[in-house]
Amino acid sequence: MTGETARPHMGACPLCEQGLVRVVRCPRCRHVSALCDECEAIWESPRHVRDARPSGRHPRCPSCSRSVRRWNFLTARHLRNHHLDDLIAGESV
């Protein structure tokens, strides 16, 4: 990993089975969601990825409905602070 930081993920996307689901935060409203890095499905809550249909698709935030150009990806430390560290399945670039 040259110059890139590993990011935690929640495992394979239950929708496309190709991408990894990562926890992101909207830079505008700061809402925490889950986003597939392949099909761009987005869930309003990271806790509902396995038991609910996606709330929408990138680039819209499911909370404020605004278009997001660049999501803030949460680190393992941020996930611990949000009490979501139990969702971490691994880390990758």
C-alpha atoms as a PDB file:
ATOM      1  CA  MET A   1       0.000   0.000   0.000  1.00  0.00           C
ATOM      2  CA  THR A   2       2.067   2.881  -1.232  1.00  0.00           C
ATOM      3  CA  GLY A   3       0.716   6.152   0.050  1.00  0.00           C
ATOM      4  CA  GLU A   4      -2.826   4.856   0.509  1.00  0.00           C
ATOM      5  CA  THR A   5      -4.450   4.240   3.849  1.00  0.00           C
ATOM      6  CA  ALA A   6      -6.356   1.062   4.591  1.00  0.00           C
ATOM      7  CA  ARG A   7      -9.988   1.739   5.400  1.00  0.00           C
ATOM      8  CA  PRO A   8     -12.237  -0.472   7.496  1.00  0.00           C
ATOM      9  CA  HIS A   9     -15.079  -2.239   5.715  1.00  0.00           C
ATOM     10  CA  MET A  10     -18.155  -4.182   6.780  1.00  0.00           C
ATOM     11  CA  GLY A  11     -17.665  -7.001   4.276  1.00  0.00           C
ATOM     12  CA  ALA A  12     -19.118  -7.724   0.852  1.00  0.00           C
ATOM     13  CA  CYS A  13     -22.132  -5.778  -0.362  1.00  0.00           C
ATOM     14  CA  PRO A  14     -25.300  -7.869   0.069  1.00  0.00           C
ATOM     15  CA  LEU A  15     -26.705  -6.305  -3.113  1.00  0.00           C
ATOM     16  CA  CYS A  16     -23.985  -6.586  -5.763  1.00  0.00           C
ATOM     17  CA  GLU A  17     -21.670  -9.030  -3.931  1.00  0.00           C
ATOM     18  CA  GLN A  18     -18.740  -7.310  -5.691  1.00  0.00           C
ATOM     19  CA  GLY A  19     -17.941  -4.262  -3.597  1.00  0.00           C
ATOM     20  CA  LEU A  20     -17.125  -3.640   0.034  1.00  0.00           C
ATOM     21  CA  VAL A  21     -19.482  -1.710   2.283  1.00  0.00           C
ATOM     22  CA  ARG A  22     -17.785   1.122   4.149  1.00  0.00           C
ATOM     23  CA  VAL A  23     -19.042   3.526   6.790  1.00  0.00           C
ATOM     24  CA  VAL A  24     -19.134   7.116   5.567  1.00  0.00           C
ATOM     25  CA  ARG A  25     -20.178  10.516   6.894  1.00  0.00           C
ATOM     26  CA  CYS A  26     -21.882  13.242   4.879  1.00  0.00           C
ATOM     27  CA  PRO A  27     -19.627  16.322   4.852  1.00  0.00           C
ATOM     28  CA  ARG A  28     -22.693  18.587   4.919  1.00  0.00           C
ATOM     29  CA  CYS A  29     -24.990  17.190   7.621  1.00  0.00           C
ATOM     30  CA  ARG A  30     -22.447  14.783   9.221  1.00  0.00           C
ATOM     31  CA  HIS A  31     -24.916  11.877   9.111  1.00  0.00           C
ATOM     32  CA  VAL A  32     -23.236   8.455   9.288  1.00  0.00           C
ATOM     33  CA  SER A  33     -24.301   5.979   6.570  1.00  0.00           C
ATOM     34  CA  ALA A  34     -22.986   2.863   4.826  1.00  0.00           C
ATOM     35  CA  LEU A  35     -21.880   2.924   1.173  1.00  0.00           C
ATOM     36  CA  CYS A  36     -20.906   0.142  -1.252  1.00  0.00           C
ATOM     37  CA  ASP A  37     -17.700   1.089  -3.056  1.00  0.00           C
ATOM     38  CA  GLU A  38     -18.786  -0.796  -6.188  1.00  0.00           C
ATOM     39  CA  CYS A  39     -22.550  -0.406  -6.887  1.00  0.00           C
ATOM     40  CA  GLU A  40     -22.805   2.787  -4.762  1.00  0.00           C
ATOM     41  CA  ALA A  41     -25.864   1.613  -2.839  1.00  0.00           C
ATOM     42  CA  ILE A  42     -26.247   3.581   0.370  1.00  0.00           C
ATOM     43  CA  TRP A  43     -27.955   2.673   3.619  1.00  0.00           C
ATOM     44  CA  GLU A  44     -29.167   5.295   6.064  1.00  0.00           C
ATOM     45  CA  SER A  45     -27.741   3.307   8.963  1.00  0.00           C
ATOM     46  CA  PRO A  46     -24.682   1.044   8.950  1.00  0.00           C
ATOM     47  CA  ARG A  47     -26.524  -1.242  11.365  1.00  0.00           C
ATOM     48  CA  HIS A  48     -29.206  -1.990   8.733  1.00  0.00           C
ATOM     49  CA  VAL A  49     -27.036  -3.094   5.806  1.00  0.00           C
ATOM     50  CA  ARG A  50     -27.801  -6.792   6.250  1.00  0.00           C
ATOM     51  CA  ASP A  51     -31.526  -6.498   7.037  1.00  0.00           C
ATOM     52  CA  ALA A  52     -32.823  -3.575   4.961  1.00  0.00           C
ATOM     53  CA  ARG A  53     -32.926  -2.407   1.394  1.00  0.00           C
ATOM     54  CA  PRO A  54     -30.639   0.503   0.516  1.00  0.00           C
ATOM     55  CA  SER A  55     -31.989   3.976   1.180  1.00  0.00           C
ATOM     56  CA  GLY A  56     -30.686   5.270  -2.131  1.00  0.00           C
ATOM     57  CA  ARG A  57     -27.642   5.544  -4.328  1.00  0.00           C
ATOM     58  CA  HIS A  58     -24.598   7.763  -4.355  1.00  0.00           C
ATOM     59  CA  PRO A  59     -24.328  10.748  -4.656  1.00  0.00           C
ATOM     60  CA  ARG A  60     -27.328  11.644  -2.460  1.00  0.00           C
ATOM     61  CA  CYS A  61     -27.074  11.617   1.318  1.00  0.00           C
ATOM     62  CA  PRO A  62     -30.003   9.588   2.712  1.00  0.00           C
ATOM     63  CA  SER A  63     -30.396  12.064   5.558  1.00  0.00           C
ATOM     64  CA  CYS A  64     -30.170  15.548   4.025  1.00  0.00           C
ATOM     65  CA  SER A  65     -30.779  14.477   0.372  1.00  0.00           C
ATOM     66  CA  ARG A  66     -27.983  16.717  -0.846  1.00  0.00           C
ATOM     67  CA  SER A  67     -25.510  15.624  -3.466  1.00  0.00           C
ATOM     68  CA  VAL A  68     -22.154  14.561  -2.018  1.00  0.00           C
ATOM     69  CA  ARG A  69     -19.032  14.779  -4.170  1.00  0.00           C
ATOM     70  CA  ARG A  70     -16.638  13.342  -1.611  1.00  0.00           C
ATOM     71  CA  TRP A  71     -17.752  11.285   1.388  1.00  0.00           C
ATOM     72  CA  ASN A  72     -15.733  11.231   4.597  1.00  0.00           C
ATOM     73  CA  PHE A  73     -14.709   7.606   5.192  1.00  0.00           C
ATOM     74  CA  LEU A  74     -14.641   6.727   8.873  1.00  0.00           C
ATOM     75  CA  THR A  75     -11.480   5.220  10.314  1.00  0.00           C
ATOM     76  CA  ALA A  76     -11.434   2.384  12.841  1.00  0.00           C
ATOM     77  CA  ARG A  77     -10.969   5.011  15.570  1.00  0.00           C
ATOM     78  CA  HIS A  78     -14.036   6.932  14.382  1.00  0.00           C
ATOM     79  CA  LEU A  79     -16.045   3.710  14.289  1.00  0.00           C
ATOM     80  CA  ARG A  80     -15.059   2.995  17.897  1.00  0.00           C
ATOM     81  CA  ASN A  81     -16.161   6.528  18.868  1.00  0.00           C
ATOM     82  CA  HIS A  82     -19.550   5.913  17.179  1.00  0.00           C
ATOM     83  CA  HIS A  83     -19.838   2.477  18.843  1.00  0.00           C
ATOM     84  CA  LEU A  84     -19.779   0.821  15.414  1.00  0.00           C
ATOM     85  CA  ASP A  85     -16.460  -1.007  15.712  1.00  0.00           C
ATOM     86  CA  ASP A  86     -18.313  -4.340  16.016  1.00  0.00           C
ATOM     87  CA  LEU A  87     -19.265  -3.927  12.338  1.00  0.00           C
ATOM     88  CA  ILE A  88     -15.645  -4.015  11.098  1.00  0.00           C
ATOM     89  CA  ALA A  89     -15.005  -7.157   9.036  1.00  0.00           C
ATOM     90  CA  GLY A  90     -11.573  -6.091   7.796  1.00  0.00           C
ATOM     91  CA  GLU A  91      -9.515  -3.308   6.235  1.00  0.00           C
ATOM     92  CA  SER A  92      -8.444  -2.645   2.658  1.00  0.00           C
ATOM     93  CA  VAL A  93      -7.449   0.181   0.360  1.00  0.00           C
END
